[in-house]
């Protein structure tokens, strides 16, 4: 069991531990020769982390605590600007480019809250895959069956963020989510991952994938941990979520698209979770959501991500295409054939699509579905075959992408039996329902652990 942020904070408050001790432990694990640290971090901030931890301890001793995450080691994804550094986003193509002149807003907020930033975490190059495979810096291995046949994927694109938490190198990992890049690694690695309504958290100073879809959130051990991180990232005062009563809670379980290709382990964990929630009084209604079946055709030419990624990358590709992960650049180049009319078609279709989904959600408190329909595949299998890579990527991104296109909020909760393959259960709602969703997730989390 990974300790929660609350447990760590209580240890700091009581004097059982110090921020410097927590930080040294995290840095030791990150630097261990037999650990995942070399694949998890693209850059460690050992000196500045120790300084931040010492400052936190000094302030705490004087009776000052800046936030619920003060003194806690956290990691940041390699697409957040840090003043004085070039943001590489898991790539080598940007090496030698100008350094950022100021840190991203979310990085500034973490520092102001007293978080100890231990390092930048590895990711799928330019955040353009849900698998977490990176040919430049290596692929962090999933904690489940790590030693079998080279290990399993961590999920992406926030791959290093997840493993930094599972392996104790951080108590929470901050990532981005354009089509599931927080919730996918959370699901595949047994963590909780929260994707807020996109507009709540500033994207200033964040290397974009799609400005229409990008959102910033965190992975951590529990719902409350994610709520604490979310408040800091959004620049809001933290208000502890109160569990929403499960009895009478109305949850819509889509029956089309999201269950296609589901494997036995996910299906079994999902059924057990739904049974527990029903026994606790939740009302789960299974129904087709017609709009879900339309999304693939709306995005047939690549959608927002292809159009926007091509716009951002086209000059860099012209200069340094050979430096890219070829599986990433091939997907970016799909946007080359999209014209302004194609992009406008997606924009207009999205407006109608959101309205259709929200009409069907009227009368329900949230949607519930598997975060991803399969357990983590083996790394070597996906490295060896383009067909396997693209098939797994499409399947793993499919369900969480629905919520980004909805402009909604969603959370992935572990729902597997400890020791079995990690499986995530997704709760999702339309945009601006974040606090209510966290309250529902807190109740669901309790029921799943009972």
Protein backbone atom coordinates (compact mmCIF):
# COMPACT_ATOMS: atom_id res chain seq x y z
CA UNK A 1 0.00 0.00 0.00
CA UNK A 2 1.46 3.34 -1.07
CA UNK A 3 1.20 5.96 1.71
CA UNK A 4 -1.20 8.81 1.02
CA UNK A 5 -0.34 12.49 1.04
CA UNK A 6 -2.30 12.77 4.28
CA UNK A 7 -0.17 10.07 5.92
CA UNK A 8 3.02 11.83 4.85
CA UNK A 9 1.72 15.19 6.06
CA UNK A 10 0.76 13.71 9.42
CA UNK A 11 4.27 12.29 9.77
CA UNK A 12 5.68 15.75 9.06
CA UNK A 13 3.28 17.42 11.48
CA UNK A 14 4.03 14.98 14.30
CA UNK A 15 7.78 15.04 13.77
CA UNK A 16 7.94 11.37 12.85
CA UNK A 17 9.56 12.45 9.61
CA UNK A 18 10.91 15.55 7.91
CA UNK A 19 10.66 16.89 4.41
CA UNK A 20 14.39 16.44 3.99
CA UNK A 21 14.12 12.76 5.00
CA UNK A 22 11.26 12.19 2.55
CA UNK A 23 13.20 13.93 -0.18
CA UNK A 24 16.43 12.02 0.44
CA UNK A 25 14.49 8.76 0.32
CA UNK A 26 12.89 9.77 -2.99
CA UNK A 27 16.22 10.83 -4.47
CA UNK A 28 17.91 7.62 -3.30
CA UNK A 29 15.24 5.54 -5.04
CA UNK A 30 15.54 7.65 -8.17
CA UNK A 31 19.31 7.13 -8.25
CA UNK A 32 19.33 3.43 -7.34
CA UNK A 33 21.23 1.41 -9.96
CA UNK A 34 18.71 -1.44 -9.77
CA UNK A 35 15.65 0.81 -9.96
CA UNK A 36 13.62 2.53 -12.66
CA UNK A 37 14.92 6.02 -11.97
CA UNK A 38 17.08 6.28 -15.09
CA UNK A 39 13.99 5.58 -17.22
CA UNK A 40 11.59 7.58 -15.02
CA UNK A 41 13.41 10.92 -14.93
CA UNK A 42 14.83 12.96 -17.77
CA UNK A 43 16.28 15.32 -15.18
CA UNK A 44 16.68 15.17 -11.38
CA UNK A 45 16.72 18.31 -9.25
CA UNK A 46 18.66 16.89 -6.31
CA UNK A 47 20.23 20.13 -5.05
CA UNK A 48 17.17 22.35 -5.41
CA UNK A 49 14.94 19.61 -3.97
CA UNK A 50 17.09 19.36 -0.85
CA UNK A 51 17.05 23.13 -0.50
CA UNK A 52 13.26 23.27 -0.86
CA UNK A 53 12.85 20.45 1.67
CA UNK A 54 15.10 22.17 4.19
CA UNK A 55 13.15 25.41 3.75
CA UNK A 56 9.89 23.56 4.34
CA UNK A 57 11.23 21.98 7.52
CA UNK A 58 12.40 25.37 8.78
CA UNK A 59 9.03 26.99 8.12
CA UNK A 60 7.15 24.08 9.69
CA UNK A 61 9.30 24.32 12.81
CA UNK A 62 8.25 27.98 13.01
CA UNK A 63 4.58 26.98 12.77
CA UNK A 64 4.11 27.83 9.09
CA UNK A 65 2.59 25.38 6.59
CA UNK A 66 1.88 26.77 3.14
CA UNK A 67 -0.51 24.12 1.80
CA UNK A 68 -1.62 20.49 2.24
CA UNK A 69 1.34 19.42 0.06
CA UNK A 70 4.01 21.53 1.79
CA UNK A 71 7.25 19.57 2.05
CA UNK A 72 6.10 16.63 -0.04
CA UNK A 73 8.23 15.37 -2.98
CA UNK A 74 6.40 15.57 -6.32
CA UNK A 75 7.44 15.02 -9.92
CA UNK A 76 6.58 17.08 -12.99
CA UNK A 77 6.19 15.85 -16.56
CA UNK A 78 8.86 16.85 -19.06
CA UNK A 79 6.58 19.26 -20.93
CA UNK A 80 6.35 21.92 -18.20
CA UNK A 81 8.63 24.92 -18.59
CA UNK A 82 11.24 25.44 -15.88
CA UNK A 83 13.03 28.79 -16.05
CA UNK A 84 16.51 28.45 -17.50
CA UNK A 85 15.92 25.06 -19.12
CA UNK A 86 14.87 23.89 -22.56
CA UNK A 87 11.64 21.92 -22.37
CA UNK A 88 12.28 18.70 -24.32
CA UNK A 89 8.94 16.87 -23.87
CA UNK A 90 10.54 13.41 -23.95
CA UNK A 91 12.31 14.17 -27.23
CA UNK A 92 15.83 14.93 -28.44
CA UNK A 93 14.65 17.04 -31.36
CA UNK A 94 14.55 20.23 -29.27
CA UNK A 95 18.06 19.92 -27.85
CA UNK A 96 19.89 23.19 -28.33
CA UNK A 97 16.72 25.27 -28.57
CA UNK A 98 16.26 28.33 -26.32
CA UNK A 99 15.61 27.86 -22.63
CA UNK A 100 12.36 28.95 -21.00
CA UNK A 101 12.52 32.42 -19.50
CA UNK A 102 9.97 31.60 -16.80
CA UNK A 103 8.44 28.52 -15.27
CA UNK A 104 4.99 27.24 -16.19
CA UNK A 105 2.16 28.57 -14.04
CA UNK A 106 1.56 25.12 -12.54
CA UNK A 107 5.24 24.83 -11.61
CA UNK A 108 5.10 28.25 -9.96
CA UNK A 109 2.01 27.17 -8.02
CA UNK A 110 3.69 23.97 -6.83
CA UNK A 111 6.72 25.91 -5.60
CA UNK A 112 4.52 28.50 -3.85
CA UNK A 113 2.63 25.66 -2.15
CA UNK A 114 5.89 24.29 -0.76
CA UNK A 115 6.02 21.16 -2.91
CA UNK A 116 9.49 19.70 -3.36
CA UNK A 117 9.99 19.12 -7.09
CA UNK A 118 12.35 16.15 -7.38
CA UNK A 119 12.61 16.02 -11.16
CA UNK A 120 11.16 15.99 -14.66
CA UNK A 121 9.54 12.72 -15.66
CA UNK A 122 9.89 10.78 -18.89
CA UNK A 123 6.97 10.59 -21.29
CA UNK A 124 5.93 9.49 -24.73
CA UNK A 125 7.69 11.88 -27.09
CA UNK A 126 5.64 15.09 -27.38
CA UNK A 127 2.79 13.33 -25.50
CA UNK A 128 1.61 11.67 -28.70
CA UNK A 129 0.72 8.12 -27.58
CA UNK A 130 -1.08 6.38 -24.75
CA UNK A 131 1.54 3.64 -24.34
CA UNK A 132 4.50 5.36 -22.66
CA UNK A 133 7.16 3.83 -24.90
CA UNK A 134 10.13 6.14 -25.47
CA UNK A 135 13.09 5.15 -27.69
CA UNK A 136 15.25 8.08 -26.55
CA UNK A 137 15.21 7.74 -22.75
CA UNK A 138 13.93 4.21 -22.28
CA UNK A 139 10.52 3.03 -21.13
CA UNK A 140 9.75 2.86 -17.40
CA UNK A 141 8.46 -0.59 -16.52
CA UNK A 142 5.04 -1.16 -14.98
CA UNK A 143 5.30 -2.42 -11.38
CA UNK A 144 3.10 -5.40 -12.31
CA UNK A 145 5.14 -8.33 -13.63
CA UNK A 146 8.16 -6.05 -14.00
CA UNK A 147 10.68 -8.84 -14.40
CA UNK A 148 8.73 -10.93 -16.92
CA UNK A 149 9.95 -10.70 -20.54
CA UNK A 150 11.27 -7.17 -20.13
CA UNK A 151 8.21 -5.86 -18.33
CA UNK A 152 4.94 -4.25 -19.32
CA UNK A 153 4.13 -0.73 -20.49
CA UNK A 154 3.39 1.93 -17.87
CA UNK A 155 0.85 3.67 -20.07
CA UNK A 156 1.28 7.14 -21.44
CA UNK A 157 1.91 9.67 -22.19
CA UNK A 158 2.67 10.51 -18.53
CA UNK A 159 4.66 7.30 -18.08
CA UNK A 160 7.42 8.46 -15.75
CA UNK A 161 4.90 10.35 -13.61
CA UNK A 162 3.13 7.09 -12.75
CA UNK A 163 6.26 5.08 -11.96
CA UNK A 164 7.70 7.92 -9.89
CA UNK A 165 4.72 7.39 -7.56
CA UNK A 166 4.48 3.58 -7.62
CA UNK A 167 8.20 3.32 -6.86
CA UNK A 168 8.34 5.94 -4.11
CA UNK A 169 10.35 8.57 -6.00
CA UNK A 170 7.50 11.07 -5.48
CA UNK A 171 4.27 11.09 -3.51
CA UNK A 172 2.38 12.48 -6.53
CA UNK A 173 3.13 12.98 -10.21
CA UNK A 174 1.88 15.94 -12.21
CA UNK A 175 1.07 15.20 -15.83
CA UNK A 176 -1.04 16.26 -18.78
CA UNK A 177 -4.10 14.57 -20.28
CA UNK A 178 -5.13 15.14 -23.91
CA UNK A 179 -6.71 11.74 -24.54
CA UNK A 180 -6.13 9.94 -21.25
CA UNK A 181 -2.46 10.58 -20.53
CA UNK A 182 -3.06 10.81 -16.77
CA UNK A 183 -5.84 8.25 -16.44
CA UNK A 184 -4.23 5.58 -18.65
CA UNK A 185 -0.98 5.20 -16.66
CA UNK A 186 -2.96 5.48 -13.44
CA UNK A 187 -5.21 2.61 -14.55
CA UNK A 188 -2.40 0.40 -15.83
CA UNK A 189 -0.21 0.98 -12.75
CA UNK A 190 -2.82 0.82 -9.97
CA UNK A 191 -2.99 4.52 -9.09
CA UNK A 192 -5.70 7.15 -8.93
CA UNK A 193 -5.56 9.74 -11.72
CA UNK A 194 -7.72 12.85 -12.03
CA UNK A 195 -8.33 14.80 -15.25
CA UNK A 196 -10.01 18.11 -14.34
CA UNK A 197 -12.13 20.27 -16.58
CA UNK A 198 -9.44 21.64 -18.88
CA UNK A 199 -10.08 25.34 -18.39
CA UNK A 200 -9.62 25.14 -14.60
CA UNK A 201 -5.83 24.73 -14.80
CA UNK A 202 -3.57 27.12 -16.70
CA UNK A 203 -1.69 25.76 -19.70
CA UNK A 204 0.69 28.74 -19.73
CA UNK A 205 4.23 27.45 -20.08
CA UNK A 206 3.17 23.93 -21.08
CA UNK A 207 4.29 22.47 -24.42
CA UNK A 208 0.95 21.75 -26.13
CA UNK A 209 -0.41 18.75 -27.96
CA UNK A 210 -3.93 20.11 -28.51
CA UNK A 211 -5.11 23.35 -27.01
CA UNK A 212 -8.67 22.13 -27.54
CA UNK A 213 -8.13 19.01 -25.46
CA UNK A 214 -5.10 19.42 -23.14
CA UNK A 215 -5.65 19.43 -19.38
CA UNK A 216 -3.33 19.25 -16.36
CA UNK A 217 -3.78 16.96 -13.37
CA UNK A 218 -2.09 14.51 -11.07
CA UNK A 219 -1.64 10.83 -10.25
CA UNK A 220 -1.46 9.78 -6.63
CA UNK A 221 -2.52 6.97 -4.28
CA UNK A 222 -6.05 8.17 -3.43
CA UNK A 223 -8.92 10.44 -4.42
CA UNK A 224 -8.15 12.85 -1.58
CA UNK A 225 -4.51 12.99 -2.69
CA UNK A 226 -5.63 13.98 -6.19
CA UNK A 227 -8.02 16.58 -4.77
CA UNK A 228 -5.19 18.21 -2.82
CA UNK A 229 -2.96 18.31 -5.88
CA UNK A 230 -5.81 19.63 -8.03
CA UNK A 231 -6.45 22.57 -5.72
CA UNK A 232 -2.80 23.63 -5.93
CA UNK A 233 -2.62 23.21 -9.72
CA UNK A 234 -5.84 25.18 -10.21
CA UNK A 235 -4.79 27.93 -7.81
CA UNK A 236 -7.77 27.26 -5.57
CA UNK A 237 -8.18 26.93 -1.82
CA UNK A 238 -8.31 23.25 -0.90
CA UNK A 239 -11.65 22.05 0.42
CA UNK A 240 -11.63 18.40 1.43
CA UNK A 241 -14.18 16.40 -0.57
CA UNK A 242 -17.02 14.85 1.41
CA UNK A 243 -18.16 11.46 0.20
CA UNK A 244 -21.42 11.63 -1.73
CA UNK A 245 -23.96 9.03 -0.52
CA UNK A 246 -23.87 5.98 -2.75
CA UNK A 247 -27.48 5.08 -2.11
CA UNK A 248 -29.53 6.47 -4.96
CA UNK A 249 -26.49 7.61 -6.94
CA UNK A 250 -27.39 7.22 -10.62
CA UNK A 251 -24.55 6.03 -12.83
CA UNK A 252 -24.81 5.52 -16.59
CA UNK A 253 -22.80 2.60 -17.94
CA UNK A 254 -22.37 2.91 -21.74
CA UNK A 255 -22.86 -0.37 -23.57
CA UNK A 256 -21.45 0.62 -26.96
CA UNK A 257 -17.84 1.25 -27.95
CA UNK A 258 -16.27 1.37 -24.46
CA UNK A 259 -16.60 -2.39 -23.91
CA UNK A 260 -15.36 -3.43 -27.36
CA UNK A 261 -12.21 -5.55 -27.14
CA UNK A 262 -12.39 -5.84 -23.34
CA UNK A 263 -10.17 -8.59 -21.94
CA UNK A 264 -11.14 -11.14 -19.28
CA UNK A 265 -9.23 -9.47 -16.44
CA UNK A 266 -10.77 -6.06 -17.03
CA UNK A 267 -14.24 -7.54 -17.54
CA UNK A 268 -14.01 -9.47 -14.27
CA UNK A 269 -12.75 -6.49 -12.27
CA UNK A 270 -15.42 -4.25 -13.81
CA UNK A 271 -18.24 -6.66 -12.97
CA UNK A 272 -17.03 -7.03 -9.39
CA UNK A 273 -16.85 -3.25 -9.00
CA UNK A 274 -20.33 -2.72 -10.42
CA UNK A 275 -21.73 -5.41 -8.14
CA UNK A 276 -20.20 -3.76 -5.07
CA UNK A 277 -21.58 -0.38 -6.00
CA UNK A 278 -25.03 -1.82 -6.66
CA UNK A 279 -24.95 -3.59 -3.30
CA UNK A 280 -24.10 -0.25 -1.67
CA UNK A 281 -27.21 1.32 -3.19
CA UNK A 282 -25.96 2.90 -6.40
CA UNK A 283 -28.31 2.66 -9.37
CA UNK A 284 -26.36 1.57 -12.45
CA UNK A 285 -28.21 1.92 -15.73
CA UNK A 286 -26.73 0.29 -18.82
CA UNK A 287 -27.54 2.12 -22.05
CA UNK A 288 -26.14 2.85 -25.47
CA UNK A 289 -24.76 6.37 -25.97
CA UNK A 290 -25.29 6.93 -29.68
CA UNK A 291 -22.79 9.77 -29.92
CA UNK A 292 -19.96 7.49 -28.77
CA UNK A 293 -20.35 5.49 -31.99
CA UNK A 294 -19.91 8.68 -34.03
CA UNK A 295 -16.61 9.90 -32.58
CA UNK A 296 -14.33 7.75 -34.71
CA UNK A 297 -15.83 9.19 -37.90
CA UNK A 298 -15.61 12.75 -36.56
CA UNK A 299 -11.88 12.24 -35.95
CA UNK A 300 -11.27 10.10 -39.04
CA UNK A 301 -8.75 12.54 -40.51
CA UNK A 302 -6.85 12.90 -37.23
CA UNK A 303 -9.01 15.33 -35.28
CA UNK A 304 -7.69 18.15 -33.14
CA UNK A 305 -4.46 16.42 -32.17
CA UNK A 306 -3.25 15.78 -35.70
CA UNK A 307 -4.17 19.27 -36.93
CA UNK A 308 -2.69 21.10 -33.97
CA UNK A 309 0.40 18.91 -33.64
CA UNK A 310 1.24 19.39 -37.33
CA UNK A 311 0.84 23.15 -36.95
CA UNK A 312 3.23 23.21 -33.98
CA UNK A 313 5.76 20.68 -35.30
CA UNK A 314 5.92 21.28 -39.04
CA UNK A 315 8.99 23.54 -38.96
CA UNK A 316 10.81 21.31 -36.48
CA UNK A 317 10.01 18.22 -38.56
CA UNK A 318 11.39 19.96 -41.65
CA UNK A 319 14.66 20.55 -39.78
CA UNK A 320 15.00 17.46 -37.58
CA UNK A 321 12.59 14.71 -38.59
CA UNK A 322 15.26 12.03 -38.15
CA UNK A 323 15.53 12.95 -34.46
CA UNK A 324 11.88 12.07 -33.79
CA UNK A 325 10.43 8.76 -32.63
CA UNK A 326 9.29 7.58 -36.06
CA UNK A 327 6.03 6.19 -34.68
CA UNK A 328 5.24 9.60 -33.23
CA UNK A 329 6.22 11.68 -36.24
CA UNK A 330 4.18 9.48 -38.57
CA UNK A 331 1.07 10.27 -36.53
CA UNK A 332 1.85 13.98 -36.37
CA UNK A 333 2.21 14.07 -40.17
CA UNK A 334 -1.40 12.93 -40.57
CA UNK A 335 -2.30 16.54 -39.85
CA UNK A 336 -0.47 17.66 -42.98
CA UNK A 337 -3.46 16.65 -45.09
CA UNK A 338 -6.03 18.41 -42.90
CA UNK A 339 -7.28 21.73 -44.25
CA UNK A 340 -9.04 24.57 -42.47
CA UNK A 341 -12.42 23.16 -43.54
CA UNK A 342 -11.55 19.78 -41.99
CA UNK A 343 -10.66 21.43 -38.68
CA UNK A 344 -13.83 23.51 -38.73
CA UNK A 345 -15.83 20.34 -39.35
CA UNK A 346 -14.37 18.87 -36.16
CA UNK A 347 -15.05 22.06 -34.18
CA UNK A 348 -18.68 22.22 -35.30
CA UNK A 349 -19.21 18.48 -34.87
CA UNK A 350 -17.80 18.63 -31.37
CA UNK A 351 -20.34 21.24 -30.33
CA UNK A 352 -23.21 19.05 -31.49
CA UNK A 353 -21.58 15.92 -30.05
CA UNK A 354 -21.20 17.44 -26.58
CA UNK A 355 -24.81 18.57 -26.58
CA UNK A 356 -25.99 15.08 -27.55
CA UNK A 357 -23.95 13.38 -24.80
CA UNK A 358 -25.03 15.89 -22.15
CA UNK A 359 -28.70 15.37 -23.09
CA UNK A 360 -28.31 11.66 -22.54
CA UNK A 361 -26.52 12.25 -19.22
CA UNK A 362 -29.38 14.38 -17.91
CA UNK A 363 -30.82 12.60 -14.89
CA UNK A 364 -27.55 10.79 -14.13
CA UNK A 365 -24.88 11.79 -11.66
CA UNK A 366 -21.95 10.43 -13.68
CA UNK A 367 -20.83 7.91 -16.27
CA UNK A 368 -18.99 4.75 -15.24
CA UNK A 369 -16.85 2.58 -17.51
CA UNK A 370 -13.48 0.81 -17.68
CA UNK A 371 -10.72 3.40 -18.00
CA UNK A 372 -9.04 1.17 -20.58
CA UNK A 373 -10.36 -2.19 -21.82
CA UNK A 374 -7.14 -4.20 -21.52
CA UNK A 375 -4.37 -4.75 -19.00
CA UNK A 376 -0.86 -3.48 -19.74
CA UNK A 377 0.74 -5.23 -22.76
CA UNK A 378 4.39 -6.32 -22.78
CA UNK A 379 6.86 -3.67 -23.89
CA UNK A 380 8.77 -6.00 -26.19
CA UNK A 381 5.61 -7.01 -28.06
CA UNK A 382 4.80 -3.41 -28.93
CA UNK A 383 8.38 -2.47 -29.74
CA UNK A 384 8.63 -5.38 -32.16
CA UNK A 385 5.54 -4.67 -34.25
CA UNK A 386 4.07 -1.49 -35.72
CA UNK A 387 0.74 -3.25 -36.10
CA UNK A 388 0.69 -4.27 -32.43
CA UNK A 389 1.82 -0.79 -31.36
CA UNK A 390 -0.87 1.09 -33.26
CA UNK A 391 -3.61 -1.40 -32.38
CA UNK A 392 -2.81 -1.19 -28.65
CA UNK A 393 -2.49 2.59 -28.80
CA UNK A 394 -5.90 3.01 -30.41
CA UNK A 395 -7.59 0.62 -27.98
CA UNK A 396 -6.00 2.14 -24.89
CA UNK A 397 -6.76 5.75 -25.87
CA UNK A 398 -10.34 5.08 -27.00
CA UNK A 399 -12.32 5.29 -23.76
CA UNK A 400 -10.58 8.20 -22.02
CA UNK A 401 -10.55 10.24 -25.25
CA UNK A 402 -14.34 10.38 -25.05
CA UNK A 403 -14.13 12.60 -21.96
CA UNK A 404 -11.54 14.98 -23.41
CA UNK A 405 -13.76 15.47 -26.47
CA UNK A 406 -16.70 16.03 -24.09
CA UNK A 407 -14.65 18.77 -22.36
CA UNK A 408 -15.49 16.91 -19.18
CA UNK A 409 -13.77 15.80 -15.99
CA UNK A 410 -12.90 12.21 -15.09
CA UNK A 411 -11.07 10.10 -12.57
CA UNK A 412 -9.62 6.60 -12.76
CA UNK A 413 -9.79 4.47 -9.62
CA UNK A 414 -8.05 1.12 -9.04
CA UNK A 415 -10.67 -1.65 -8.99
CA UNK A 416 -8.56 -4.83 -9.17
CA UNK A 417 -7.76 -7.38 -6.49
CA UNK A 418 -4.34 -6.53 -4.99
CA UNK A 419 -1.69 -8.65 -6.68
CA UNK A 420 -3.67 -9.03 -9.88
CA UNK A 421 -3.17 -7.00 -13.03
CA UNK A 422 -4.03 -3.34 -12.33
CA UNK A 423 -7.41 -2.26 -13.73
CA UNK A 424 -8.94 1.23 -13.65
CA UNK A 425 -12.59 2.16 -13.17
CA UNK A 426 -13.52 5.53 -14.66
CA UNK A 427 -16.06 7.98 -13.31
CA UNK A 428 -16.75 10.92 -15.61
CA UNK A 429 -19.02 13.95 -15.81
CA UNK A 430 -19.51 17.00 -18.01
CA UNK A 431 -17.27 20.02 -17.54
CA UNK A 432 -17.32 22.09 -14.33
CA UNK A 433 -18.60 19.19 -12.21
CA UNK A 434 -15.14 18.53 -10.78
CA UNK A 435 -15.84 18.90 -7.06
CA UNK A 436 -19.00 16.82 -7.23
CA UNK A 437 -17.15 14.16 -9.21
CA UNK A 438 -14.41 14.01 -6.56
CA UNK A 439 -17.07 13.58 -3.87
CA UNK A 440 -18.65 10.70 -5.79
CA UNK A 441 -15.23 9.18 -6.43
CA UNK A 442 -14.45 9.28 -2.71
CA UNK A 443 -17.56 7.22 -1.99
CA UNK A 444 -16.83 4.80 -4.82
CA UNK A 445 -13.24 4.42 -3.66
CA UNK A 446 -14.44 3.43 -0.19
CA UNK A 447 -16.89 0.88 -1.59
CA UNK A 448 -14.24 -0.68 -3.84
CA UNK A 449 -11.86 -1.11 -0.91
CA UNK A 450 -14.47 -2.65 1.38
